[in-house]
N, C-alpha and C. Protein backbone atom coordinates (compact mmCIF):
# COMPACT_ATOMS: atom_id res chain seq x y z
N MET A 1 -1.45 -46.10 -60.35
CA MET A 1 -0.66 -46.59 -60.98
C MET A 1 0.54 -45.67 -61.56
N SER A 2 2.08 -46.08 -61.92
CA SER A 2 3.15 -45.62 -62.75
C SER A 2 3.45 -46.98 -63.10
N LYS A 3 3.97 -46.23 -64.53
CA LYS A 3 4.75 -47.51 -65.55
C LYS A 3 6.30 -47.43 -65.06
N VAL A 4 6.90 -48.72 -65.27
CA VAL A 4 8.13 -48.27 -64.32
C VAL A 4 8.64 -49.56 -65.91
N SER A 5 9.68 -49.10 -65.76
CA SER A 5 10.81 -49.94 -66.85
C SER A 5 12.71 -49.71 -66.23
N GLY A 6 12.67 -51.33 -66.31
CA GLY A 6 14.61 -51.03 -65.98
C GLY A 6 15.27 -52.62 -65.69
N VAL A 7 15.97 -51.97 -65.85
CA VAL A 7 16.83 -53.80 -65.29
C VAL A 7 16.83 -54.39 -63.96
N VAL A 8 16.53 -55.41 -64.00
CA VAL A 8 16.73 -55.74 -62.79
C VAL A 8 17.65 -56.18 -61.87
N GLN A 9 17.56 -55.28 -60.80
CA GLN A 9 19.44 -55.27 -59.92
C GLN A 9 19.06 -56.30 -59.05
N GLU A 10 18.19 -56.76 -58.34
CA GLU A 10 17.81 -57.75 -57.50
C GLU A 10 16.89 -58.40 -57.44
N VAL A 11 16.93 -59.71 -57.93
CA VAL A 11 15.59 -61.18 -56.76
C VAL A 11 15.77 -60.81 -55.21
N LYS A 12 15.07 -61.00 -54.81
CA LYS A 12 14.64 -61.13 -52.86
C LYS A 12 13.57 -62.61 -53.16
N GLU A 13 14.04 -63.66 -52.40
CA GLU A 13 12.68 -64.77 -52.19
C GLU A 13 12.95 -64.81 -50.47
N ILE A 14 11.48 -64.19 -50.37
CA ILE A 14 11.13 -63.82 -49.40
C ILE A 14 10.17 -65.42 -49.00
N THR A 15 10.03 -65.98 -47.13
CA THR A 15 9.44 -66.99 -47.03
C THR A 15 8.98 -66.55 -45.75
N THR A 16 7.51 -66.49 -45.43
CA THR A 16 6.23 -65.89 -44.96
C THR A 16 6.12 -66.96 -43.75
N LYS A 17 5.21 -65.88 -42.75
CA LYS A 17 4.96 -66.76 -41.59
C LYS A 17 4.68 -68.91 -41.57
N THR A 18 3.64 -68.58 -42.28
CA THR A 18 2.91 -69.40 -43.52
C THR A 18 3.70 -70.32 -44.20
N ASN A 19 4.91 -70.16 -44.68
CA ASN A 19 5.64 -70.90 -45.09
C ASN A 19 5.75 -70.70 -46.43
N LYS A 20 4.69 -69.41 -46.98
CA LYS A 20 4.70 -69.15 -48.90
C LYS A 20 5.89 -68.28 -48.94
N VAL A 21 6.41 -68.73 -50.22
CA VAL A 21 7.10 -68.06 -50.71
C VAL A 21 6.82 -67.01 -51.07
N MET A 22 7.29 -65.58 -51.36
CA MET A 22 7.44 -64.37 -51.75
C MET A 22 8.62 -63.75 -52.69
N TYR A 23 8.11 -63.43 -53.68
CA TYR A 23 9.23 -62.87 -54.14
C TYR A 23 9.83 -61.05 -54.28
N GLN A 24 10.57 -60.68 -54.41
CA GLN A 24 10.60 -58.88 -54.50
C GLN A 24 11.64 -58.52 -55.60
N MET A 25 11.36 -57.79 -56.53
CA MET A 25 12.72 -57.43 -57.34
C MET A 25 13.14 -55.74 -57.04
N LYS A 26 14.01 -55.73 -57.73
CA LYS A 26 14.53 -54.27 -56.91
C LYS A 26 14.99 -53.48 -58.60
N VAL A 27 14.26 -52.62 -58.85
CA VAL A 27 14.09 -52.23 -59.92
C VAL A 27 14.59 -50.78 -60.06
N GLY A 28 15.66 -49.64 -59.99
CA GLY A 28 15.83 -48.57 -59.89
C GLY A 28 15.66 -48.42 -58.58
N GLY A 29 16.47 -48.74 -58.13
CA GLY A 29 16.50 -48.59 -56.50
C GLY A 29 15.42 -48.98 -55.59
N THR A 30 14.68 -50.06 -55.97
CA THR A 30 13.03 -50.06 -55.22
C THR A 30 12.69 -51.39 -55.42
N PHE A 31 12.53 -52.18 -54.40
CA PHE A 31 11.46 -53.07 -54.41
C PHE A 31 10.45 -52.97 -54.83
N TYR A 32 10.10 -53.94 -55.04
CA TYR A 32 8.24 -54.09 -56.05
C TYR A 32 9.04 -55.78 -55.73
N GLY A 33 6.84 -55.56 -54.85
CA GLY A 33 6.97 -57.13 -53.94
C GLY A 33 6.13 -57.82 -55.51
N THR A 34 6.76 -59.60 -56.53
CA THR A 34 5.76 -59.83 -57.21
C THR A 34 4.23 -60.97 -56.99
N MET A 35 4.44 -61.18 -55.13
CA MET A 35 3.33 -61.72 -54.59
C MET A 35 4.45 -63.28 -55.34
N LEU A 36 3.23 -64.32 -55.40
CA LEU A 36 3.85 -65.75 -55.14
C LEU A 36 5.01 -66.40 -56.31
N LYS A 37 5.15 -65.21 -57.12
CA LYS A 37 5.48 -65.98 -58.68
C LYS A 37 6.60 -64.80 -58.80
N LYS A 38 7.78 -65.30 -59.25
CA LYS A 38 9.10 -64.77 -59.64
C LYS A 38 9.18 -64.37 -60.63
N GLU A 39 9.28 -63.26 -61.13
CA GLU A 39 8.72 -62.88 -62.64
C GLU A 39 10.12 -62.45 -63.20
N ALA A 40 11.51 -62.50 -62.94
CA ALA A 40 12.21 -61.83 -63.90
C ALA A 40 13.45 -62.17 -62.63
N ASN A 41 15.00 -62.39 -63.76
CA ASN A 41 16.05 -62.88 -62.61
C ASN A 41 17.27 -61.47 -62.36
N GLN A 42 17.59 -61.68 -61.62
CA GLN A 42 18.63 -59.95 -62.00
C GLN A 42 19.51 -60.28 -63.63
N GLY A 43 19.87 -59.25 -63.83
CA GLY A 43 19.96 -59.02 -65.12
C GLY A 43 18.48 -58.78 -66.66
N ASP A 44 17.61 -59.02 -65.78
CA ASP A 44 16.46 -58.96 -67.05
C ASP A 44 16.21 -57.17 -66.94
N LEU A 45 15.21 -57.25 -68.15
CA LEU A 45 14.94 -55.78 -68.46
C LEU A 45 13.16 -55.75 -68.61
N VAL A 46 12.97 -55.74 -67.44
CA VAL A 46 11.47 -55.91 -67.49
C VAL A 46 10.53 -54.49 -67.10
N GLU A 47 9.66 -54.21 -67.60
CA GLU A 47 7.90 -53.68 -67.65
C GLU A 47 7.42 -54.03 -67.02
N PHE A 48 6.38 -52.74 -65.64
CA PHE A 48 5.28 -53.05 -65.19
C PHE A 48 4.65 -51.82 -64.63
N ASP A 49 3.09 -51.75 -64.52
CA ASP A 49 2.73 -51.44 -63.92
C ASP A 49 3.19 -50.88 -62.25
N ALA A 50 3.22 -50.02 -61.47
CA ALA A 50 3.86 -50.16 -59.45
C ALA A 50 2.79 -49.61 -58.61
N GLU A 51 2.36 -50.29 -58.29
CA GLU A 51 1.03 -49.54 -57.65
C GLU A 51 1.48 -50.27 -56.06
N GLN A 52 1.26 -49.12 -55.17
CA GLN A 52 1.45 -48.39 -53.63
C GLN A 52 0.42 -48.71 -53.12
N ASN A 53 0.92 -50.17 -51.91
CA ASN A 53 -0.20 -50.50 -50.90
C ASN A 53 1.26 -50.31 -49.49
N GLY A 54 0.48 -48.85 -48.62
CA GLY A 54 0.94 -48.44 -48.02
C GLY A 54 2.74 -48.07 -47.84
N ASN A 55 3.90 -48.32 -47.35
CA ASN A 55 5.18 -48.26 -47.48
C ASN A 55 5.24 -49.73 -48.50
N PHE A 56 4.76 -50.29 -48.75
CA PHE A 56 5.24 -51.68 -50.06
C PHE A 56 4.91 -50.67 -51.14
N TRP A 57 5.61 -51.15 -52.75
CA TRP A 57 5.39 -51.76 -53.79
C TRP A 57 4.95 -52.54 -54.19
N ASN A 58 4.66 -53.22 -55.16
CA ASN A 58 3.82 -54.37 -55.74
C ASN A 58 4.31 -53.96 -57.61
N ALA A 59 4.66 -55.16 -58.17
CA ALA A 59 4.81 -54.92 -59.49
C ALA A 59 3.11 -55.55 -60.01
N LYS A 60 2.34 -54.85 -61.45
CA LYS A 60 1.17 -55.83 -61.92
C LYS A 60 1.74 -55.71 -63.41
N ASN A 61 1.32 -57.05 -63.59
CA ASN A 61 1.13 -57.32 -65.00
C ASN A 61 2.44 -56.74 -65.86
N VAL A 62 3.72 -57.18 -64.99
CA VAL A 62 4.60 -57.66 -65.34
C VAL A 62 5.46 -58.21 -66.77
N VAL A 63 6.06 -57.19 -67.50
CA VAL A 63 6.38 -58.13 -69.14
C VAL A 63 8.29 -58.21 -68.71
N ASN A 64 8.44 -59.26 -68.67
CA ASN A 64 9.72 -59.48 -68.62
C ASN A 64 10.04 -59.75 -69.96
N LYS A 65 11.32 -58.72 -70.95
CA LYS A 65 11.49 -58.63 -71.78
C LYS A 65 12.76 -59.03 -71.73
N GLY A 66 13.63 -60.00 -71.46
CA GLY A 66 14.57 -61.19 -71.50
C GLY A 66 15.87 -59.98 -70.88
N LYS A 67 16.86 -60.79 -71.06
CA LYS A 67 18.10 -60.34 -70.92
C LYS A 67 18.51 -59.13 -71.05
N ALA A 68 19.36 -58.15 -70.35
CA ALA A 68 19.36 -56.27 -71.15
C ALA A 68 20.66 -56.44 -71.82
N PRO A 69 20.20 -56.06 -72.53
CA PRO A 69 21.45 -55.85 -73.38
C PRO A 69 23.30 -55.50 -72.76
N ILE A 70 23.86 -56.05 -73.23
CA ILE A 70 24.79 -55.97 -73.20
C ILE A 70 25.95 -55.31 -74.17
N PHE A 71 26.34 -54.04 -73.48
CA PHE A 71 27.10 -53.33 -74.51
C PHE A 71 28.53 -54.13 -74.68
N GLU A 72 28.95 -53.81 -76.42
CA GLU A 72 30.51 -54.99 -75.94
C GLU A 72 31.34 -54.19 -76.81
N ALA A 73 32.22 -54.00 -76.64
CA ALA A 73 33.50 -53.62 -77.35
C ALA A 73 33.29 -53.41 -78.30
N SER A 74 32.96 -53.97 -79.56
CA SER A 74 32.82 -53.96 -80.53
C SER A 74 31.57 -53.21 -80.86
N SER A 75 30.64 -52.29 -79.80
CA SER A 75 29.72 -51.61 -80.88
C SER A 75 30.47 -50.14 -80.78
N PRO A 76 30.08 -49.37 -81.80
CA PRO A 76 30.49 -48.20 -82.05
C PRO A 76 31.09 -47.51 -81.11
N ALA A 77 29.94 -46.83 -80.58
CA ALA A 77 30.60 -46.08 -79.27
C ALA A 77 31.52 -45.90 -78.58
N ARG A 78 31.43 -47.52 -77.91
CA ARG A 78 32.62 -48.02 -77.69
C ARG A 78 34.07 -48.06 -77.99
N LYS A 79 33.71 -48.41 -79.41
CA LYS A 79 35.06 -47.82 -80.17
C LYS A 79 35.65 -46.99 -80.60
N ALA A 80 35.01 -45.96 -80.41
CA ALA A 80 35.15 -44.59 -80.70
C ALA A 80 35.40 -43.69 -78.91
N SER A 81 35.48 -44.67 -78.09
CA SER A 81 35.85 -43.65 -77.24
C SER A 81 36.83 -44.50 -76.04
N GLY A 82 37.45 -45.67 -77.27
CA GLY A 82 38.87 -46.22 -76.88
C GLY A 82 38.35 -47.16 -75.79
N ALA A 83 37.52 -47.74 -75.31
CA ALA A 83 37.29 -48.58 -74.21
C ALA A 83 37.74 -49.98 -74.34
N GLN A 84 37.95 -50.61 -73.66
CA GLN A 84 38.91 -51.58 -74.04
C GLN A 84 38.08 -53.40 -72.87
N ASN A 85 37.73 -52.26 -71.13
CA ASN A 85 36.38 -53.62 -70.92
C ASN A 85 35.91 -52.27 -70.11
N ASP A 86 34.86 -53.45 -69.31
CA ASP A 86 33.99 -52.07 -68.17
C ASP A 86 34.38 -51.22 -67.32
N THR A 87 36.02 -51.97 -66.88
CA THR A 87 36.74 -50.76 -65.52
C THR A 87 37.83 -50.31 -65.53
N MET A 88 38.10 -49.26 -65.46
CA MET A 88 38.88 -48.76 -65.21
C MET A 88 39.81 -48.66 -64.12
N SER A 89 41.38 -48.45 -63.78
CA SER A 89 42.14 -49.10 -62.92
C SER A 89 42.60 -47.84 -62.44
N LYS A 90 42.38 -48.34 -60.88
CA LYS A 90 43.08 -46.74 -60.19
C LYS A 90 43.20 -45.50 -61.07
N GLU A 91 44.36 -45.56 -61.60
CA GLU A 91 45.22 -45.00 -62.18
C GLU A 91 44.46 -44.32 -63.65
N ASP A 92 44.06 -44.90 -63.88
CA ASP A 92 42.81 -44.10 -64.97
C ASP A 92 41.91 -43.58 -64.56
N TRP A 93 41.43 -43.41 -63.21
CA TRP A 93 39.90 -43.06 -62.34
C TRP A 93 40.76 -42.00 -61.49
N GLU A 94 42.23 -41.77 -61.52
CA GLU A 94 42.45 -40.51 -60.49
C GLU A 94 42.53 -39.61 -61.73
N LYS A 95 43.79 -40.04 -63.64
CA LYS A 95 43.68 -39.65 -64.28
C LYS A 95 41.96 -38.49 -64.29
N LYS A 96 41.35 -39.64 -64.86
CA LYS A 96 39.59 -39.41 -65.24
C LYS A 96 39.62 -37.35 -64.24
N ASP A 97 39.70 -38.04 -62.90
CA ASP A 97 39.31 -36.96 -61.61
C ASP A 97 40.46 -35.79 -61.80
N LEU A 98 41.37 -35.96 -62.37
CA LEU A 98 42.10 -34.66 -62.81
C LEU A 98 41.90 -33.90 -63.75
N ARG A 99 41.73 -34.69 -64.72
CA ARG A 99 41.14 -33.60 -66.09
C ARG A 99 39.63 -33.19 -65.69
N ILE A 100 38.75 -33.80 -64.75
CA ILE A 100 37.83 -32.91 -64.70
C ILE A 100 37.65 -31.97 -63.29
N ALA A 101 38.55 -32.26 -62.63
CA ALA A 101 39.41 -31.29 -61.61
C ALA A 101 39.17 -29.63 -62.98
N ARG A 102 40.68 -29.62 -63.83
CA ARG A 102 41.34 -28.95 -64.64
C ARG A 102 40.45 -28.52 -64.68
N GLN A 103 39.12 -29.28 -65.80
CA GLN A 103 37.89 -28.06 -66.56
C GLN A 103 37.37 -27.26 -65.45
N GLY A 104 37.07 -28.17 -64.21
CA GLY A 104 35.82 -27.28 -63.74
C GLY A 104 36.92 -25.85 -62.56
N CYS A 105 38.77 -26.34 -62.81
CA CYS A 105 39.17 -25.10 -62.57
C CYS A 105 39.02 -23.58 -64.00
N ARG A 106 38.99 -24.49 -65.06
CA ARG A 106 39.26 -23.46 -66.44
C ARG A 106 38.01 -23.21 -66.42
N ASN A 107 36.65 -23.49 -65.78
CA ASN A 107 35.26 -23.27 -65.79
C ASN A 107 35.28 -21.57 -65.44
N SER A 108 35.57 -22.34 -63.77
CA SER A 108 35.73 -20.89 -62.22
C SER A 108 36.50 -19.35 -63.11
N ALA A 109 37.97 -20.10 -64.28
CA ALA A 109 38.68 -18.38 -64.65
C ALA A 109 38.30 -18.03 -65.40
N ASN A 110 37.78 -18.74 -66.20
CA ASN A 110 37.14 -18.31 -67.49
C ASN A 110 36.04 -17.27 -66.96
N SER A 111 35.17 -18.36 -65.79
CA SER A 111 33.92 -16.45 -65.12
C SER A 111 34.61 -15.43 -64.94
N ILE A 112 35.68 -16.00 -63.68
CA ILE A 112 36.43 -14.60 -63.73
C ILE A 112 37.22 -13.63 -65.07
N VAL A 113 37.09 -14.36 -65.37
CA VAL A 113 37.43 -13.56 -67.12
C VAL A 113 36.70 -12.29 -67.81
N VAL A 114 35.79 -13.25 -67.43
CA VAL A 114 34.74 -12.48 -68.38
C VAL A 114 33.80 -11.96 -66.97
N ALA A 115 34.28 -11.24 -66.27
CA ALA A 115 33.65 -10.34 -65.33
C ALA A 115 34.51 -9.15 -65.59
N LEU A 116 35.85 -10.50 -65.42
CA LEU A 116 37.43 -8.89 -65.28
C LEU A 116 36.40 -8.07 -67.19
N LEU A 117 36.15 -8.35 -68.40
CA LEU A 117 35.96 -8.05 -69.49
C LEU A 117 34.26 -7.03 -69.16
N GLU A 118 34.10 -7.19 -68.45
CA GLU A 118 32.43 -6.95 -69.14
C GLU A 118 32.80 -6.04 -68.08
N HIS A 119 33.45 -5.54 -67.16
CA HIS A 119 33.37 -3.96 -66.50
C HIS A 119 35.27 -3.40 -66.00
N GLY A 120 35.42 -4.20 -67.71
CA GLY A 120 37.19 -2.81 -68.03
C GLY A 120 38.40 -3.89 -67.08
N LEU A 121 38.18 -4.02 -66.93
CA LEU A 121 38.68 -4.13 -65.38
C LEU A 121 40.20 -4.83 -66.46
N LEU A 122 40.22 -5.52 -67.35
CA LEU A 122 41.87 -6.01 -67.69
C LEU A 122 42.06 -4.85 -68.61
N PRO A 123 43.75 -4.90 -67.94
CA PRO A 123 44.65 -4.52 -68.32
C PRO A 123 45.06 -4.36 -70.23
N GLU A 124 45.12 -3.34 -70.41
CA GLU A 124 45.49 -3.03 -72.01
C GLU A 124 46.76 -3.92 -72.64
N PRO A 125 46.68 -4.70 -73.66
CA PRO A 125 48.03 -4.87 -73.76
C PRO A 125 48.96 -4.45 -73.82
N LYS A 126 50.31 -4.63 -73.55
CA LYS A 126 52.05 -3.86 -73.98
C LYS A 126 52.27 -3.89 -74.88
N ALA A 127 52.28 -5.48 -75.35
CA ALA A 127 52.62 -5.14 -76.59
C ALA A 127 51.62 -5.28 -77.91
N LYS A 128 52.96 -4.98 -79.11
CA LYS A 128 51.87 -4.24 -80.11
C LYS A 128 51.14 -5.67 -80.83
N ASN A 129 51.88 -6.57 -81.04
CA ASN A 129 51.26 -7.72 -81.20
C ASN A 129 50.28 -8.25 -80.39
N LYS A 130 49.52 -7.93 -79.44
CA LYS A 130 48.71 -8.57 -78.51
C LYS A 130 47.11 -7.76 -78.51
N ASN A 131 46.11 -8.20 -78.79
CA ASN A 131 45.00 -7.97 -78.53
C ASN A 131 44.30 -8.57 -77.50
N ILE A 132 42.98 -8.05 -76.86
CA ILE A 132 42.76 -8.00 -76.18
C ILE A 132 42.43 -8.87 -75.11
N VAL A 133 42.01 -9.91 -76.24
CA VAL A 133 41.32 -11.93 -76.55
C VAL A 133 43.14 -12.05 -76.02
N ASP A 134 44.41 -11.79 -76.92
CA ASP A 134 45.18 -12.21 -76.11
C ASP A 134 45.58 -12.35 -74.56
N VAL A 135 45.09 -11.24 -74.10
CA VAL A 135 45.21 -11.32 -72.69
C VAL A 135 44.14 -11.84 -71.79
N ALA A 136 43.35 -11.77 -71.68
CA ALA A 136 42.11 -12.57 -71.89
C ALA A 136 42.49 -14.16 -71.70
N LEU A 137 43.08 -14.64 -73.05
CA LEU A 137 43.30 -15.88 -72.18
C LEU A 137 44.45 -16.09 -72.01
N GLU A 138 45.42 -15.16 -71.65
CA GLU A 138 46.51 -15.14 -70.45
C GLU A 138 45.90 -15.57 -68.88
N TYR A 139 45.13 -14.14 -68.89
CA TYR A 139 44.61 -14.52 -68.01
C TYR A 139 43.92 -15.73 -67.40
N SER A 140 43.32 -16.36 -68.43
CA SER A 140 42.35 -17.84 -67.94
C SER A 140 43.51 -18.72 -67.60
N ASP A 141 44.73 -18.78 -68.41
CA ASP A 141 45.74 -19.75 -67.99
C ASP A 141 45.83 -19.40 -66.96
N LEU A 142 46.49 -18.33 -66.44
CA LEU A 142 46.69 -17.76 -65.49
C LEU A 142 46.09 -17.95 -63.88
N ILE A 143 44.89 -18.32 -64.30
CA ILE A 143 44.07 -18.11 -62.78
C ILE A 143 44.05 -19.82 -62.92
N THR A 144 43.75 -20.33 -64.18
CA THR A 144 42.93 -22.02 -63.97
C THR A 144 44.31 -22.74 -63.44
N ASN A 145 45.91 -21.91 -64.06
CA ASN A 145 46.47 -22.83 -62.88
C ASN A 145 46.96 -22.38 -61.99
N ARG A 146 46.61 -21.05 -61.24
CA ARG A 146 46.13 -20.60 -59.66
C ARG A 146 44.98 -22.03 -58.80
N PHE A 147 43.88 -21.94 -59.49
CA PHE A 147 43.08 -22.71 -59.25
C PHE A 147 43.77 -24.54 -58.94
N TYR A 148 43.92 -24.88 -59.75
CA TYR A 148 44.69 -26.47 -60.17
C TYR A 148 45.71 -26.52 -59.35
N ASP A 149 46.66 -25.96 -59.05
CA ASP A 149 47.57 -25.95 -58.02
C ASP A 149 46.62 -26.13 -56.72
N ASP A 150 45.89 -25.35 -56.34
CA ASP A 150 45.53 -25.20 -55.15
C ASP A 150 44.62 -26.40 -55.09
N VAL A 151 43.81 -27.35 -55.96
CA VAL A 151 43.86 -28.43 -56.06
C VAL A 151 44.16 -29.58 -55.91
N VAL A 152 44.85 -29.82 -56.72
CA VAL A 152 46.29 -30.88 -56.77
C VAL A 152 46.64 -30.85 -54.95
N ASN A 153 46.90 -29.51 -55.17
CA ASN A 153 47.81 -29.56 -53.82
C ASN A 153 46.93 -30.02 -52.23
N LEU A 154 45.61 -30.12 -52.76
CA LEU A 154 44.36 -29.33 -51.44
C LEU A 154 45.61 -30.99 -50.64
N GLY A 155 45.40 -30.61 -49.36
CA GLY A 155 45.29 -31.42 -47.87
C GLY A 155 46.70 -31.56 -47.98
N ALA A 156 47.91 -30.96 -49.29
CA ALA A 156 49.31 -30.89 -49.14
C ALA A 156 50.20 -30.20 -47.79
N LYS A 157 51.33 -30.71 -47.02
CA LYS A 157 51.64 -30.18 -46.35
C LYS A 157 52.14 -28.98 -46.31
N PRO A 158 51.64 -27.35 -45.74
CA PRO A 158 52.06 -26.30 -46.08
C PRO A 158 53.45 -25.73 -45.90
N LYS A 159 54.37 -25.54 -46.91
CA LYS A 159 55.59 -25.27 -46.59
C LYS A 159 55.93 -23.92 -45.71
N ILE A 160 56.43 -24.06 -45.11
CA ILE A 160 56.80 -22.76 -44.38
C ILE A 160 58.04 -21.77 -44.93
N GLU A 161 57.10 -20.87 -45.49
CA GLU A 161 58.66 -19.48 -45.00
C GLU A 161 57.31 -19.08 -45.53
N ALA A 162 58.14 -17.54 -45.57
CA ALA A 162 57.53 -16.17 -45.48
C ALA A 162 57.41 -15.90 -47.34
N LYS A 163 56.54 -14.70 -47.17
CA LYS A 163 56.59 -15.23 -48.95
C LYS A 163 55.46 -13.76 -48.72
N ASP A 164 56.05 -13.40 -49.79
CA ASP A 164 55.94 -11.73 -50.36
C ASP A 164 54.73 -11.73 -50.19
N THR A 165 54.38 -10.82 -49.46
CA THR A 165 52.26 -10.76 -49.76
C THR A 165 51.98 -9.57 -50.40
N SER A 166 52.85 -8.42 -50.88
CA SER A 166 52.59 -7.46 -51.73
C SER A 166 51.84 -7.65 -52.87
N PRO A 167 51.27 -6.21 -52.96
CA PRO A 167 50.12 -6.15 -54.11
C PRO A 167 50.77 -6.62 -55.30
N LYS A 168 51.07 -7.06 -56.75
CA LYS A 168 51.59 -7.39 -57.81
C LYS A 168 50.73 -6.77 -58.95
N ASP A 169 51.69 -5.88 -59.79
CA ASP A 169 51.12 -6.07 -61.48
C ASP A 169 50.55 -7.42 -61.95
N PRO A 170 49.97 -8.31 -62.10
CA PRO A 170 49.67 -8.98 -63.17
C PRO A 170 50.44 -9.16 -64.45
N ASP A 171 50.46 -8.07 -64.73
CA ASP A 171 51.00 -8.16 -66.23
C ASP A 171 52.62 -8.62 -65.75
N ASP A 172 53.26 -8.54 -64.85
CA ASP A 172 54.46 -8.87 -64.63
C ASP A 172 54.10 -10.09 -65.27
N GLU A 173 53.78 -11.05 -64.73
CA GLU A 173 53.84 -12.91 -64.76
C GLU A 173 53.65 -13.11 -66.21
N LEU A 174 52.87 -12.13 -66.69
CA LEU A 174 52.14 -12.22 -68.41
C LEU A 174 53.12 -12.49 -69.22
N GLU A 175 54.20 -11.49 -68.75
CA GLU A 175 54.95 -11.18 -70.14
C GLU A 175 56.55 -11.82 -70.32
């Protein structure tokens, strides 16, 4: 037996061939049979011993702790996050996705810059008032923006135009 605790996601009432009513509750994505007794309702916080019987799971010694707490907007964590309600608009999700994509691009760019630094492949700064950190940051920004543009324009119709593909000195773009 293993101990399971969580919020009841769903309760099923099943009538057998012999007209007995049996119950199942879904916790953590798995259904657990509670036999003839309805142990909890959807949204209740429960704790029980889970016992596998063939392909099925049964809940034994169920302790119903009542309704699971709902975090209100007045909680300190929600106030700090600026959350207004439990749902985000489509626009909010799109902004969040873009922020996540941008951070992923930054992480990848920083990995490349670290590799360049470790192998001594970053050029020395040309300007007297710059140091290697400034060059590394500029390269990180340049690579991040390149990756981010690729991500944002993913699936866009490619522009058909001749492009100069000859190698360029990266320092030309940084100054």
